N, C-alpha and C. Protein backbone atom coordinates (compact mmCIF):
# COMPACT_ATOMS: atom_id res chain seq x y z
N MET A 1 159.10 28.71 34.52
CA MET A 1 159.17 28.16 33.19
C MET A 1 160.44 27.32 33.06
N LEU A 2 160.31 26.24 32.31
CA LEU A 2 161.45 25.37 32.06
C LEU A 2 161.82 25.43 30.59
N ALA A 3 163.10 25.43 30.32
CA ALA A 3 163.57 25.36 28.94
C ALA A 3 163.89 23.91 28.64
N MET A 4 163.31 23.38 27.57
CA MET A 4 163.52 21.99 27.21
C MET A 4 163.94 21.92 25.75
N ALA A 5 164.89 21.03 25.47
CA ALA A 5 165.33 20.86 24.09
C ALA A 5 164.35 19.97 23.36
N GLU A 6 163.96 20.38 22.17
CA GLU A 6 163.08 19.60 21.32
C GLU A 6 163.91 18.63 20.49
N ALA A 7 163.27 17.68 19.85
CA ALA A 7 163.97 16.71 19.00
C ALA A 7 164.66 17.38 17.83
N ASN A 8 164.11 18.49 17.37
CA ASN A 8 164.69 19.18 16.22
C ASN A 8 165.80 20.15 16.61
N GLY A 9 166.18 20.18 17.89
CA GLY A 9 167.28 21.02 18.34
C GLY A 9 166.86 22.38 18.87
N LYS A 10 165.60 22.74 18.70
CA LYS A 10 165.14 24.04 19.20
C LYS A 10 164.82 23.92 20.69
N VAL A 11 164.83 25.03 21.35
CA VAL A 11 164.53 25.05 22.78
C VAL A 11 163.11 25.56 22.97
N ALA A 12 162.33 24.78 23.73
CA ALA A 12 160.95 25.17 24.00
C ALA A 12 160.81 25.50 25.48
N VAL A 13 160.07 26.54 25.77
CA VAL A 13 159.82 26.93 27.16
C VAL A 13 158.49 26.33 27.57
N ARG A 14 158.51 25.59 28.71
CA ARG A 14 157.29 24.89 29.14
C ARG A 14 156.97 25.25 30.58
N ASP A 15 155.71 25.36 30.87
CA ASP A 15 155.23 25.62 32.21
C ASP A 15 155.33 24.33 33.03
N PRO A 16 155.96 24.36 34.21
CA PRO A 16 156.10 23.14 35.02
C PRO A 16 154.76 22.50 35.38
N ASP A 17 153.76 23.30 35.68
CA ASP A 17 152.44 22.75 36.03
C ASP A 17 151.81 22.02 34.83
N ALA A 18 151.97 22.59 33.65
CA ALA A 18 151.43 21.94 32.45
C ALA A 18 152.17 20.64 32.19
N LEU A 19 153.48 20.65 32.43
CA LEU A 19 154.27 19.44 32.24
C LEU A 19 153.85 18.35 33.21
N ILE A 20 153.61 18.70 34.45
CA ILE A 20 153.16 17.73 35.46
C ILE A 20 151.80 17.16 35.06
N LYS A 21 150.88 18.00 34.61
CA LYS A 21 149.56 17.53 34.18
C LYS A 21 149.68 16.58 32.98
N GLU A 22 150.58 16.90 32.05
CA GLU A 22 150.77 16.03 30.89
C GLU A 22 151.33 14.68 31.32
N ILE A 23 152.26 14.68 32.27
CA ILE A 23 152.82 13.43 32.78
C ILE A 23 151.73 12.61 33.47
N GLU A 24 150.88 13.25 34.24
CA GLU A 24 149.79 12.53 34.93
C GLU A 24 148.82 11.92 33.92
N ARG A 25 148.48 12.67 32.87
CA ARG A 25 147.59 12.13 31.83
C ARG A 25 148.23 10.93 31.14
N THR A 26 149.52 11.05 30.86
CA THR A 26 150.23 9.94 30.21
C THR A 26 150.23 8.71 31.12
N ARG A 27 150.45 8.90 32.40
CA ARG A 27 150.43 7.77 33.35
C ARG A 27 149.05 7.12 33.39
N GLU A 28 147.99 7.94 33.42
CA GLU A 28 146.63 7.40 33.44
C GLU A 28 146.34 6.60 32.17
N ASN A 29 146.74 7.14 31.03
CA ASN A 29 146.54 6.42 29.76
C ASN A 29 147.31 5.11 29.75
N LEU A 30 148.52 5.12 30.24
CA LEU A 30 149.33 3.91 30.30
C LEU A 30 148.70 2.88 31.24
N ALA A 31 148.19 3.34 32.37
CA ALA A 31 147.54 2.42 33.32
C ALA A 31 146.30 1.78 32.68
N ARG A 32 145.51 2.57 31.95
CA ARG A 32 144.32 2.01 31.28
C ARG A 32 144.73 0.99 30.21
N THR A 33 145.80 1.30 29.47
CA THR A 33 146.27 0.39 28.43
C THR A 33 146.75 -0.92 29.05
N ILE A 34 147.49 -0.83 30.14
CA ILE A 34 147.98 -2.04 30.81
C ILE A 34 146.81 -2.86 31.34
N ASP A 35 145.81 -2.22 31.93
CA ASP A 35 144.63 -2.93 32.42
C ASP A 35 143.91 -3.64 31.28
N ALA A 36 143.77 -2.98 30.14
CA ALA A 36 143.09 -3.59 29.00
C ALA A 36 143.87 -4.78 28.47
N LEU A 37 145.18 -4.65 28.40
CA LEU A 37 146.01 -5.78 27.93
C LEU A 37 145.96 -6.94 28.91
N THR A 38 145.98 -6.64 30.20
CA THR A 38 145.91 -7.68 31.22
C THR A 38 144.60 -8.45 31.11
N GLU A 39 143.51 -7.73 30.91
CA GLU A 39 142.21 -8.39 30.76
C GLU A 39 142.17 -9.22 29.48
N ARG A 40 142.75 -8.71 28.41
CA ARG A 40 142.71 -9.40 27.13
C ARG A 40 143.46 -10.71 27.15
N VAL A 41 144.58 -10.78 27.87
CA VAL A 41 145.40 -11.99 27.87
C VAL A 41 145.17 -12.88 29.08
N SER A 42 144.24 -12.51 29.93
CA SER A 42 143.93 -13.33 31.10
C SER A 42 143.42 -14.70 30.65
N PRO A 43 144.00 -15.80 31.19
CA PRO A 43 143.57 -17.14 30.76
C PRO A 43 142.06 -17.37 30.91
N GLY A 44 141.48 -16.86 31.97
CA GLY A 44 140.04 -17.02 32.16
C GLY A 44 139.24 -16.32 31.07
N HIS A 45 139.63 -15.11 30.74
CA HIS A 45 138.92 -14.37 29.69
C HIS A 45 139.13 -15.02 28.32
N VAL A 46 140.34 -15.49 28.06
CA VAL A 46 140.62 -16.15 26.79
C VAL A 46 139.75 -17.41 26.67
N ALA A 47 139.66 -18.18 27.74
CA ALA A 47 138.85 -19.40 27.72
C ALA A 47 137.37 -19.08 27.50
N ARG A 48 136.87 -18.04 28.18
CA ARG A 48 135.45 -17.67 28.01
C ARG A 48 135.17 -17.21 26.58
N ARG A 49 136.08 -16.39 26.01
CA ARG A 49 135.87 -15.94 24.63
C ARG A 49 135.91 -17.10 23.65
N THR A 50 136.83 -18.03 23.86
CA THR A 50 136.94 -19.19 22.98
C THR A 50 135.69 -20.05 23.08
N LEU A 51 135.23 -20.30 24.28
CA LEU A 51 134.01 -21.09 24.47
C LEU A 51 132.81 -20.40 23.84
N SER A 52 132.74 -19.09 23.95
CA SER A 52 131.65 -18.34 23.34
C SER A 52 131.67 -18.49 21.82
N ARG A 53 132.86 -18.40 21.22
CA ARG A 53 132.97 -18.56 19.76
C ARG A 53 132.57 -19.97 19.33
N ILE A 54 132.98 -20.96 20.11
CA ILE A 54 132.62 -22.35 19.79
C ILE A 54 131.10 -22.53 19.85
N ARG A 55 130.49 -21.96 20.87
CA ARG A 55 129.03 -22.07 21.00
C ARG A 55 128.32 -21.38 19.84
N GLU A 56 128.84 -20.20 19.44
CA GLU A 56 128.25 -19.49 18.30
C GLU A 56 128.33 -20.33 17.03
N GLN A 57 129.49 -20.93 16.79
CA GLN A 57 129.67 -21.76 15.60
C GLN A 57 128.79 -23.00 15.66
N ALA A 58 128.70 -23.62 16.83
CA ALA A 58 127.91 -24.85 16.97
C ALA A 58 126.42 -24.59 16.80
N SER A 59 125.98 -23.37 17.02
CA SER A 59 124.55 -23.07 16.89
C SER A 59 124.14 -22.83 15.44
N ARG A 60 125.11 -22.73 14.54
CA ARG A 60 124.79 -22.52 13.12
C ARG A 60 124.21 -23.81 12.54
N PRO A 61 123.13 -23.73 11.75
CA PRO A 61 122.47 -24.93 11.22
C PRO A 61 123.39 -25.82 10.38
N GLU A 62 124.23 -25.23 9.54
CA GLU A 62 125.08 -26.07 8.69
C GLU A 62 126.11 -26.84 9.52
N VAL A 63 126.55 -26.27 10.62
CA VAL A 63 127.49 -26.97 11.50
C VAL A 63 126.76 -28.10 12.23
N GLN A 64 125.52 -27.86 12.61
CA GLN A 64 124.74 -28.90 13.28
C GLN A 64 124.50 -30.08 12.35
N VAL A 65 124.24 -29.82 11.08
CA VAL A 65 124.01 -30.90 10.12
C VAL A 65 125.28 -31.73 9.96
N VAL A 66 126.41 -31.05 9.80
CA VAL A 66 127.69 -31.77 9.65
C VAL A 66 127.98 -32.57 10.91
N GLY A 67 127.71 -32.01 12.06
CA GLY A 67 127.93 -32.72 13.32
C GLY A 67 127.04 -33.94 13.44
N ALA A 68 125.80 -33.81 13.02
CA ALA A 68 124.87 -34.95 13.08
C ALA A 68 125.32 -36.06 12.13
N VAL A 69 125.76 -35.69 10.94
CA VAL A 69 126.24 -36.70 9.98
C VAL A 69 127.49 -37.38 10.53
N ALA A 70 128.41 -36.63 11.09
CA ALA A 70 129.63 -37.22 11.66
C ALA A 70 129.28 -38.14 12.83
N GLY A 71 128.34 -37.72 13.66
CA GLY A 71 127.92 -38.56 14.78
C GLY A 71 127.27 -39.85 14.31
N ALA A 72 126.41 -39.74 13.30
CA ALA A 72 125.75 -40.94 12.77
C ALA A 72 126.78 -41.88 12.14
N ALA A 73 127.76 -41.33 11.43
CA ALA A 73 128.80 -42.16 10.82
C ALA A 73 129.63 -42.86 11.90
N THR A 74 129.92 -42.18 12.97
CA THR A 74 130.67 -42.78 14.07
C THR A 74 129.89 -43.91 14.71
N VAL A 75 128.61 -43.69 14.98
CA VAL A 75 127.77 -44.73 15.57
C VAL A 75 127.70 -45.94 14.63
N ALA A 76 127.55 -45.69 13.34
CA ALA A 76 127.48 -46.79 12.36
C ALA A 76 128.78 -47.58 12.33
N LEU A 77 129.91 -46.90 12.36
CA LEU A 77 131.19 -47.60 12.35
C LEU A 77 131.41 -48.42 13.62
N VAL A 78 131.04 -47.88 14.76
CA VAL A 78 131.17 -48.63 16.01
C VAL A 78 130.25 -49.83 16.00
N ALA A 79 129.02 -49.65 15.54
CA ALA A 79 128.07 -50.77 15.48
C ALA A 79 128.58 -51.84 14.53
N TYR A 80 129.13 -51.46 13.41
CA TYR A 80 129.67 -52.42 12.44
C TYR A 80 130.85 -53.19 13.05
N ALA A 81 131.75 -52.46 13.75
CA ALA A 81 132.90 -53.11 14.37
C ALA A 81 132.45 -54.11 15.43
N LEU A 82 131.46 -53.76 16.22
CA LEU A 82 130.94 -54.68 17.25
C LEU A 82 130.26 -55.89 16.58
N TRP A 83 129.53 -55.67 15.53
CA TRP A 83 128.85 -56.73 14.84
C TRP A 83 129.86 -57.74 14.25
N ARG A 84 130.96 -57.20 13.69
CA ARG A 84 132.00 -58.06 13.11
C ARG A 84 132.70 -58.90 14.18
N ARG A 85 132.88 -58.38 15.36
CA ARG A 85 133.53 -59.13 16.44
C ARG A 85 132.65 -60.29 16.91
N ARG A 86 131.37 -60.08 16.90
CA ARG A 86 130.45 -61.12 17.40
C ARG A 86 130.30 -62.25 16.40
N ARG A 87 130.61 -62.02 15.15
CA ARG A 87 130.46 -63.05 14.12
C ARG A 87 131.43 -64.14 14.26
């Protein structure tokens, strides 16, 4: 048994085997957390998630209508500019 001081100043008696198991569990949890964070901030994963969100938004009907109107306006402006140059 090990005597360990608690934060409140009291002394707690702990079994060394239980302490080792607790340390191992903490290490495993930390390793899983680090793996999850690494995956979350990976440039490849960030790019895939961003592209997925863009595709989801682009598939919405109201976004498609706005995109079509913007595209038609752009084509009209380019055609007008070309027409004015030829005059």
